[in-house]
Amino acid sequence: MQGFIPPDPETDVSQEHWAVIYMPGRNRQRYPANCVRLVESEEEARVRGRPAQRLFPARVLGPSKSSEGQEVYYLVEWLAPQ
């Protein structure tokens, strides 16, 4: 994947998570932590996805620190909502 720093295999700082992302659109590769709601499972992410309300289910990698010092999550893949 392009545009992110790969996770350090010796730590658990950045990991893949299931999430619901609140955003006007799905055209970015990274999202601020305050727009990302982590959930327990892929199924929960799909159920909570509501594109009409700008809530998109996804698999993300993070958290990471941006060059501006903010926590961000990187998009791994979008999921289809249920």
PDB file of N, CA and C in Angstrom:
ATOM      1  N   MET A   1       0.844  -1.171   0.000  1.00  0.00           N
ATOM      2  CA  MET A   1       0.000   0.000   0.000  1.00  0.00           C
ATOM      3  C   MET A   1       0.889   1.232   0.000  1.00  0.00           C
ATOM      4  N   GLN A   2       0.520   2.195  -0.767  1.00  0.00           N
ATOM      5  CA  GLN A   2       1.313   3.396  -0.937  1.00  0.00           C
ATOM      6  C   GLN A   2       0.809   4.504  -0.013  1.00  0.00           C
ATOM      7  N   GLY A   3       1.729   5.300   0.553  1.00  0.00           N
ATOM      8  CA  GLY A   3       1.334   6.467   1.318  1.00  0.00           C
ATOM      9  C   GLY A   3       1.281   6.278   2.818  1.00  0.00           C
ATOM     10  N   PHE A   4       1.752   5.154   3.335  1.00  0.00           N
ATOM     11  CA  PHE A   4       1.781   4.995   4.780  1.00  0.00           C
ATOM     12  C   PHE A   4       3.062   4.306   5.189  1.00  0.00           C
ATOM     13  N   ILE A   5       3.412   4.470   6.459  1.00  0.00           N
ATOM     14  CA  ILE A   5       4.595   3.826   7.007  1.00  0.00           C
ATOM     15  C   ILE A   5       4.171   2.454   7.510  1.00  0.00           C
ATOM     16  N   PRO A   6       4.836   1.389   7.070  1.00  0.00           N
ATOM     17  CA  PRO A   6       4.423   0.056   7.508  1.00  0.00           C
ATOM     18  C   PRO A   6       4.576  -0.103   9.013  1.00  0.00           C
ATOM     19  N   PRO A   7       3.728  -0.933   9.637  1.00  0.00           N
ATOM     20  CA  PRO A   7       3.813  -1.127  11.082  1.00  0.00           C
ATOM     21  C   PRO A   7       5.124  -1.782  11.490  1.00  0.00           C
ATOM     22  N   ASP A   8       5.581  -1.425  12.676  1.00  0.00           N
ATOM     23  CA  ASP A   8       6.781  -2.028  13.251  1.00  0.00           C
ATOM     24  C   ASP A   8       6.411  -3.411  13.772  1.00  0.00           C
ATOM     25  N   PRO A   9       7.049  -4.482  13.270  1.00  0.00           N
ATOM     26  CA  PRO A   9       6.668  -5.835  13.698  1.00  0.00           C
ATOM     27  C   PRO A   9       6.974  -6.119  15.170  1.00  0.00           C
ATOM     28  N   GLU A  10       7.819  -5.292  15.807  1.00  0.00           N
ATOM     29  CA  GLU A  10       8.188  -5.528  17.200  1.00  0.00           C
ATOM     30  C   GLU A  10       7.286  -4.792  18.189  1.00  0.00           C
ATOM     31  N   THR A  11       6.331  -4.003  17.711  1.00  0.00           N
ATOM     32  CA  THR A  11       5.424  -3.283  18.606  1.00  0.00           C
ATOM     33  C   THR A  11       3.983  -3.465  18.140  1.00  0.00           C
ATOM     34  N   ASP A  12       3.070  -3.029  18.981  1.00  0.00           N
ATOM     35  CA  ASP A  12       1.652  -3.086  18.637  1.00  0.00           C
ATOM     36  C   ASP A  12       1.076  -1.690  18.475  1.00  0.00           C
ATOM     37  N   VAL A  13       1.886  -0.741  18.074  1.00  0.00           N
ATOM     38  CA  VAL A  13       1.439   0.639  17.972  1.00  0.00           C
ATOM     39  C   VAL A  13       0.394   0.790  16.884  1.00  0.00           C
ATOM     40  N   SER A  14       0.706   0.421  15.659  1.00  0.00           N
ATOM     41  CA  SER A  14      -0.252   0.492  14.553  1.00  0.00           C
ATOM     42  C   SER A  14      -0.696  -0.909  14.179  1.00  0.00           C
ATOM     43  N   GLN A  15      -2.012  -1.102  14.139  1.00  0.00           N
ATOM     44  CA  GLN A  15      -2.570  -2.394  13.780  1.00  0.00           C
ATOM     45  C   GLN A  15      -3.739  -2.177  12.843  1.00  0.00           C
ATOM     46  N   GLU A  16      -4.154  -3.257  12.188  1.00  0.00           N
ATOM     47  CA  GLU A  16      -5.361  -3.183  11.367  1.00  0.00           C
ATOM     48  C   GLU A  16      -6.581  -3.311  12.270  1.00  0.00           C
ATOM     49  N   HIS A  17      -7.607  -2.522  11.947  1.00  0.00           N
ATOM     50  CA  HIS A  17      -8.844  -2.503  12.720  1.00  0.00           C
ATOM     51  C   HIS A  17     -10.021  -2.446  11.759  1.00  0.00           C
ATOM     52  N   TRP A  18     -11.190  -2.917  12.235  1.00  0.00           N
ATOM     53  CA  TRP A  18     -12.449  -2.686  11.542  1.00  0.00           C
ATOM     54  C   TRP A  18     -12.960  -1.354  12.053  1.00  0.00           C
ATOM     55  N   ALA A  19     -13.588  -0.573  11.184  1.00  0.00           N
ATOM     56  CA  ALA A  19     -14.011   0.761  11.585  1.00  0.00           C
ATOM     57  C   ALA A  19     -15.165   1.258  10.735  1.00  0.00           C
ATOM     58  N   VAL A  20     -15.755   2.333  11.234  1.00  0.00           N
ATOM     59  CA  VAL A  20     -16.723   3.101  10.468  1.00  0.00           C
ATOM     60  C   VAL A  20     -16.146   4.508  10.386  1.00  0.00           C
ATOM     61  N   ILE A  21     -16.035   5.034   9.168  1.00  0.00           N
ATOM     62  CA  ILE A  21     -15.430   6.344   8.951  1.00  0.00           C
ATOM     63  C   ILE A  21     -16.517   7.341   8.599  1.00  0.00           C
ATOM     64  N   TYR A  22     -16.519   8.471   9.306  1.00  0.00           N
ATOM     65  CA  TYR A  22     -17.456   9.551   9.011  1.00  0.00           C
ATOM     66  C   TYR A  22     -16.728  10.560   8.121  1.00  0.00           C
ATOM     67  N   MET A  23     -17.180  10.690   6.896  1.00  0.00           N
ATOM     68  CA  MET A  23     -16.544  11.599   5.939  1.00  0.00           C
ATOM     69  C   MET A  23     -17.538  11.969   4.851  1.00  0.00           C
ATOM     70  N   PRO A  24     -17.386  13.157   4.259  1.00  0.00           N
ATOM     71  CA  PRO A  24     -18.248  13.543   3.138  1.00  0.00           C
ATOM     72  C   PRO A  24     -18.099  12.627   1.920  1.00  0.00           C
ATOM     73  N   GLY A  25     -16.917  12.062   1.733  1.00  0.00           N
ATOM     74  CA  GLY A  25     -16.677  11.198   0.577  1.00  0.00           C
ATOM     75  C   GLY A  25     -15.633  10.151   0.900  1.00  0.00           C
ATOM     76  N   ARG A  26     -15.332   9.313  -0.088  1.00  0.00           N
ATOM     77  CA  ARG A  26     -14.372   8.230   0.138  1.00  0.00           C
ATOM     78  C   ARG A  26     -13.178   8.365  -0.790  1.00  0.00           C
ATOM     79  N   ASN A  27     -12.632   9.553  -0.917  1.00  0.00           N
ATOM     80  CA  ASN A  27     -11.560   9.758  -1.882  1.00  0.00           C
ATOM     81  C   ASN A  27     -10.193   9.967  -1.243  1.00  0.00           C
ATOM     82  N   ARG A  28     -10.058   9.767   0.044  1.00  0.00           N
ATOM     83  CA  ARG A  28      -8.771   9.943   0.727  1.00  0.00           C
ATOM     84  C   ARG A  28      -8.148   8.593   1.052  1.00  0.00           C
ATOM     85  N   GLN A  29      -6.883   8.635   1.421  1.00  0.00           N
ATOM     86  CA  GLN A  29      -6.194   7.427   1.851  1.00  0.00           C
ATOM     87  C   GLN A  29      -5.900   7.439   3.349  1.00  0.00           C
ATOM     88  N   ARG A  30      -6.049   8.609   3.985  1.00  0.00           N
ATOM     89  CA  ARG A  30      -5.862   8.669   5.436  1.00  0.00           C
ATOM     90  C   ARG A  30      -6.932   9.572   6.025  1.00  0.00           C
ATOM     91  N   TYR A  31      -7.298   9.249   7.292  1.00  0.00           N
ATOM     92  CA  TYR A  31      -8.417   9.930   7.937  1.00  0.00           C
ATOM     93  C   TYR A  31      -8.036  10.307   9.360  1.00  0.00           C
ATOM     94  N   PRO A  32      -8.417  11.503   9.813  1.00  0.00           N
ATOM     95  CA  PRO A  32      -8.137  11.903  11.191  1.00  0.00           C
ATOM     96  C   PRO A  32      -8.831  10.958  12.178  1.00  0.00           C
ATOM     97  N   ALA A  33      -8.194  10.737  13.313  1.00  0.00           N
ATOM     98  CA  ALA A  33      -8.722   9.803  14.305  1.00  0.00           C
ATOM     99  C   ALA A  33     -10.116  10.194  14.777  1.00  0.00           C
ATOM    100  N   ASN A  34     -10.433  11.483  14.806  1.00  0.00           N
ATOM    101  CA  ASN A  34     -11.756  11.880  15.289  1.00  0.00           C
ATOM    102  C   ASN A  34     -12.868  11.556  14.294  1.00  0.00           C
ATOM    103  N   CYS A  35     -12.533  11.109  13.096  1.00  0.00           N
ATOM    104  CA  CYS A  35     -13.532  10.703  12.092  1.00  0.00           C
ATOM    105  C   CYS A  35     -13.664   9.184  12.005  1.00  0.00           C
ATOM    106  N   VAL A  36     -12.874   8.458  12.785  1.00  0.00           N
ATOM    107  CA  VAL A  36     -12.825   6.998  12.708  1.00  0.00           C
ATOM    108  C   VAL A  36     -13.362   6.398  14.007  1.00  0.00           C
ATOM    109  N   ARG A  37     -14.372   5.549  13.891  1.00  0.00           N
ATOM    110  CA  ARG A  37     -14.904   4.829  15.050  1.00  0.00           C
ATOM    111  C   ARG A  37     -14.532   3.369  14.890  1.00  0.00           C
ATOM    112  N   LEU A  38     -13.669   2.870  15.777  1.00  0.00           N
ATOM    113  CA  LEU A  38     -13.256   1.475  15.724  1.00  0.00           C
ATOM    114  C   LEU A  38     -14.375   0.587  16.246  1.00  0.00           C
ATOM    115  N   VAL A  39     -14.537  -0.574  15.611  1.00  0.00           N
ATOM    116  CA  VAL A  39     -15.549  -1.554  16.024  1.00  0.00           C
ATOM    117  C   VAL A  39     -14.880  -2.915  16.161  1.00  0.00           C
ATOM    118  N   GLU A  40     -15.611  -3.873  16.726  1.00  0.00           N
ATOM    119  CA  GLU A  40     -15.039  -5.179  17.056  1.00  0.00           C
ATOM    120  C   GLU A  40     -14.872  -6.132  15.881  1.00  0.00           C
ATOM    121  N   SER A  41     -15.708  -6.009  14.865  1.00  0.00           N
ATOM    122  CA  SER A  41     -15.684  -7.023  13.804  1.00  0.00           C
ATOM    123  C   SER A  41     -16.050  -6.421  12.452  1.00  0.00           C
ATOM    124  N   GLU A  42     -15.762  -7.197  11.428  1.00  0.00           N
ATOM    125  CA  GLU A  42     -16.139  -6.800  10.074  1.00  0.00           C
ATOM    126  C   GLU A  42     -17.654  -6.686   9.959  1.00  0.00           C
ATOM    127  N   GLU A  43     -18.364  -7.638  10.540  1.00  0.00           N
ATOM    128  CA  GLU A  43     -19.826  -7.620  10.479  1.00  0.00           C
ATOM    129  C   GLU A  43     -20.394  -6.362  11.141  1.00  0.00           C
ATOM    130  N   GLU A  44     -19.848  -5.991  12.299  1.00  0.00           N
ATOM    131  CA  GLU A  44     -20.322  -4.785  12.980  1.00  0.00           C
ATOM    132  C   GLU A  44     -20.060  -3.537  12.144  1.00  0.00           C
ATOM    133  N   ALA A  45     -18.902  -3.483  11.502  1.00  0.00           N
ATOM    134  CA  ALA A  45     -18.590  -2.341  10.638  1.00  0.00           C
ATOM    135  C   ALA A  45     -19.604  -2.255   9.497  1.00  0.00           C
ATOM    136  N   ARG A  46     -19.905  -3.388   8.882  1.00  0.00           N
ATOM    137  CA  ARG A  46     -20.865  -3.389   7.778  1.00  0.00           C
ATOM    138  C   ARG A  46     -22.261  -2.971   8.246  1.00  0.00           C
ATOM    139  N   VAL A  47     -22.685  -3.461   9.409  1.00  0.00           N
ATOM    140  CA  VAL A  47     -24.015  -3.129   9.936  1.00  0.00           C
ATOM    141  C   VAL A  47     -24.112  -1.644  10.283  1.00  0.00           C
ATOM    142  N   ARG A  48     -23.048  -1.079  10.837  1.00  0.00           N
ATOM    143  CA  ARG A  48     -23.068   0.333  11.245  1.00  0.00           C
ATOM    144  C   ARG A  48     -22.861   1.298  10.079  1.00  0.00           C
ATOM    145  N   GLY A  49     -22.437   0.784   8.935  1.00  0.00           N
ATOM    146  CA  GLY A  49     -22.250   1.634   7.760  1.00  0.00           C
ATOM    147  C   GLY A  49     -23.570   2.230   7.293  1.00  0.00           C
ATOM    148  N   ARG A  50     -23.593   3.518   7.090  1.00  0.00           N
ATOM    149  CA  ARG A  50     -24.774   4.240   6.621  1.00  0.00           C
ATOM    150  C   ARG A  50     -24.322   5.308   5.628  1.00  0.00           C
ATOM    151  N   PRO A  51     -24.081   4.923   4.369  1.00  0.00           N
ATOM    152  CA  PRO A  51     -23.580   5.892   3.383  1.00  0.00           C
ATOM    153  C   PRO A  51     -24.436   7.151   3.268  1.00  0.00           C
ATOM    154  N   ALA A  52     -25.750   7.039   3.437  1.00  0.00           N
ATOM    155  CA  ALA A  52     -26.611   8.220   3.354  1.00  0.00           C
ATOM    156  C   ALA A  52     -26.292   9.219   4.462  1.00  0.00           C
ATOM    157  N   GLN A  53     -25.739   8.723   5.591  1.00  0.00           N
ATOM    158  CA  GLN A  53     -25.338   9.603   6.689  1.00  0.00           C
ATOM    159  C   GLN A  53     -23.820   9.793   6.742  1.00  0.00           C
ATOM    160  N   ARG A  54     -23.152   9.426   5.647  1.00  0.00           N
ATOM    161  CA  ARG A  54     -21.698   9.585   5.494  1.00  0.00           C
ATOM    162  C   ARG A  54     -20.888   8.724   6.463  1.00  0.00           C
ATOM    163  N   LEU A  55     -21.427   7.568   6.812  1.00  0.00           N
ATOM    164  CA  LEU A  55     -20.724   6.595   7.645  1.00  0.00           C
ATOM    165  C   LEU A  55     -20.376   5.398   6.773  1.00  0.00           C
ATOM    166  N   PHE A  56     -19.083   5.214   6.534  1.00  0.00           N
ATOM    167  CA  PHE A  56     -18.622   4.189   5.602  1.00  0.00           C
ATOM    168  C   PHE A  56     -17.827   3.105   6.333  1.00  0.00           C
ATOM    169  N   PRO A  57     -18.200   1.820   6.176  1.00  0.00           N
ATOM    170  CA  PRO A  57     -17.447   0.740   6.800  1.00  0.00           C
ATOM    171  C   PRO A  57     -16.122   0.513   6.070  1.00  0.00           C
ATOM    172  N   ALA A  58     -15.088   0.193   6.872  1.00  0.00           N
ATOM    173  CA  ALA A  58     -13.759   0.043   6.281  1.00  0.00           C
ATOM    174  C   ALA A  58     -12.856  -0.792   7.180  1.00  0.00           C
ATOM    175  N   ARG A  59     -11.735  -1.182   6.622  1.00  0.00           N
ATOM    176  CA  ARG A  59     -10.620  -1.749   7.382  1.00  0.00           C
ATOM    177  C   ARG A  59      -9.527  -0.703   7.328  1.00  0.00           C
ATOM    178  N   VAL A  60      -8.975  -0.344   8.499  1.00  0.00           N
ATOM    179  CA  VAL A  60      -7.987   0.734   8.578  1.00  0.00           C
ATOM    180  C   VAL A  60      -6.739   0.250   9.295  1.00  0.00           C
ATOM    181  N   LEU A  61      -5.658   1.004   9.127  1.00  0.00           N
ATOM    182  CA  LEU A  61      -4.391   0.739   9.786  1.00  0.00           C
ATOM    183  C   LEU A  61      -4.045   1.953  10.623  1.00  0.00           C
ATOM    184  N   GLY A  62      -3.736   1.736  11.889  1.00  0.00           N
ATOM    185  CA  GLY A  62      -3.370   2.872  12.712  1.00  0.00           C
ATOM    186  C   GLY A  62      -3.508   2.546  14.182  1.00  0.00           C
ATOM    187  N   PRO A  63      -3.412   3.542  15.012  1.00  0.00           N
ATOM    188  CA  PRO A  63      -3.191   4.943  14.669  1.00  0.00           C
ATOM    189  C   PRO A  63      -1.726   5.222  14.367  1.00  0.00           C
ATOM    190  N   SER A  64      -1.501   6.272  13.609  1.00  0.00           N
ATOM    191  CA  SER A  64      -0.172   6.774  13.296  1.00  0.00           C
ATOM    192  C   SER A  64      -0.171   8.274  13.537  1.00  0.00           C
ATOM    193  N   LYS A  65       0.996   8.840  13.674  1.00  0.00           N
ATOM    194  CA  LYS A  65       1.120  10.292  13.801  1.00  0.00           C
ATOM    195  C   LYS A  65       1.419  10.884  12.433  1.00  0.00           C
ATOM    196  N   SER A  66       0.675  11.920  12.064  1.00  0.00           N
ATOM    197  CA  SER A  66       0.948  12.612  10.807  1.00  0.00           C
ATOM    198  C   SER A  66       2.129  13.555  11.015  1.00  0.00           C
ATOM    199  N   SER A  67       2.618  14.127   9.929  1.00  0.00           N
ATOM    200  CA  SER A  67       3.730  15.071  10.037  1.00  0.00           C
ATOM    201  C   SER A  67       3.327  16.327  10.804  1.00  0.00           C
ATOM    202  N   GLU A  68       2.012  16.569  10.904  1.00  0.00           N
ATOM    203  CA  GLU A  68       1.502  17.711  11.662  1.00  0.00           C
ATOM    204  C   GLU A  68       1.285  17.357  13.128  1.00  0.00           C
ATOM    205  N   GLY A  69       1.529  16.102  13.516  1.00  0.00           N
ATOM    206  CA  GLY A  69       1.381  15.675  14.893  1.00  0.00           C
ATOM    207  C   GLY A  69       0.000  15.168  15.257  1.00  0.00           C
ATOM    208  N   GLN A  70      -0.882  14.987  14.284  1.00  0.00           N
ATOM    209  CA  GLN A  70      -2.220  14.481  14.560  1.00  0.00           C
ATOM    210  C   GLN A  70      -2.261  12.970  14.383  1.00  0.00           C
ATOM    211  N   GLU A  71      -3.159  12.323  15.119  1.00  0.00           N
ATOM    212  CA  GLU A  71      -3.359  10.891  14.933  1.00  0.00           C
ATOM    213  C   GLU A  71      -4.211  10.664  13.698  1.00  0.00           C
ATOM    214  N   VAL A  72      -3.776   9.729  12.851  1.00  0.00           N
ATOM    215  CA  VAL A  72      -4.507   9.402  11.632  1.00  0.00           C
ATOM    216  C   VAL A  72      -4.598   7.888  11.478  1.00  0.00           C
ATOM    217  N   TYR A  73      -5.575   7.474  10.689  1.00  0.00           N
ATOM    218  CA  TYR A  73      -5.727   6.070  10.290  1.00  0.00           C
ATOM    219  C   TYR A  73      -5.639   6.011   8.773  1.00  0.00           C
ATOM    220  N   TYR A  74      -4.971   4.976   8.263  1.00  0.00           N
ATOM    221  CA  TYR A  74      -4.829   4.782   6.822  1.00  0.00           C
ATOM    222  C   TYR A  74      -5.844   3.754   6.342  1.00  0.00           C
ATOM    223  N   LEU A  75      -6.463   4.034   5.230  1.00  0.00           N
ATOM    224  CA  LEU A  75      -7.436   3.126   4.643  1.00  0.00           C
ATOM    225  C   LEU A  75      -6.731   1.893   4.087  1.00  0.00           C
ATOM    226  N   VAL A  76      -7.217   0.719   4.461  1.00  0.00           N
ATOM    227  CA  VAL A  76      -6.752  -0.538   3.886  1.00  0.00           C
ATOM    228  C   VAL A  76      -7.726  -0.958   2.788  1.00  0.00           C
ATOM    229  N   GLU A  77      -9.034  -0.937   3.133  1.00  0.00           N
ATOM    230  CA  GLU A  77     -10.059  -1.238   2.128  1.00  0.00           C
ATOM    231  C   GLU A  77     -11.418  -0.759   2.615  1.00  0.00           C
ATOM    232  N   TRP A  78     -12.264  -0.394   1.645  1.00  0.00           N
ATOM    233  CA  TRP A  78     -13.657  -0.075   1.935  1.00  0.00           C
ATOM    234  C   TRP A  78     -14.444  -1.374   1.957  1.00  0.00           C
ATOM    235  N   LEU A  79     -15.468  -1.438   2.777  1.00  0.00           N
ATOM    236  CA  LEU A  79     -16.362  -2.597   2.845  1.00  0.00           C
ATOM    237  C   LEU A  79     -17.736  -2.182   2.325  1.00  0.00           C
ATOM    238  N   ALA A  80     -18.456  -3.118   1.793  1.00  0.00           N
ATOM    239  CA  ALA A  80     -19.833  -2.842   1.375  1.00  0.00           C
ATOM    240  C   ALA A  80     -20.726  -2.889   2.602  1.00  0.00           C
ATOM    241  N   PRO A  81     -21.567  -1.871   2.806  1.00  0.00           N
ATOM    242  CA  PRO A  81     -22.482  -1.910   3.959  1.00  0.00           C
ATOM    243  C   PRO A  81     -23.551  -2.989   3.765  1.00  0.00           C
ATOM    244  N   GLN A  82     -24.129  -3.448   4.877  1.00  0.00           N
ATOM    245  CA  GLN A  82     -25.198  -4.464   4.798  1.00  0.00           C
ATOM    246  C   GLN A  82     -26.521  -3.805   4.525  1.00  0.00           C
TER     247      GLN A  82
END
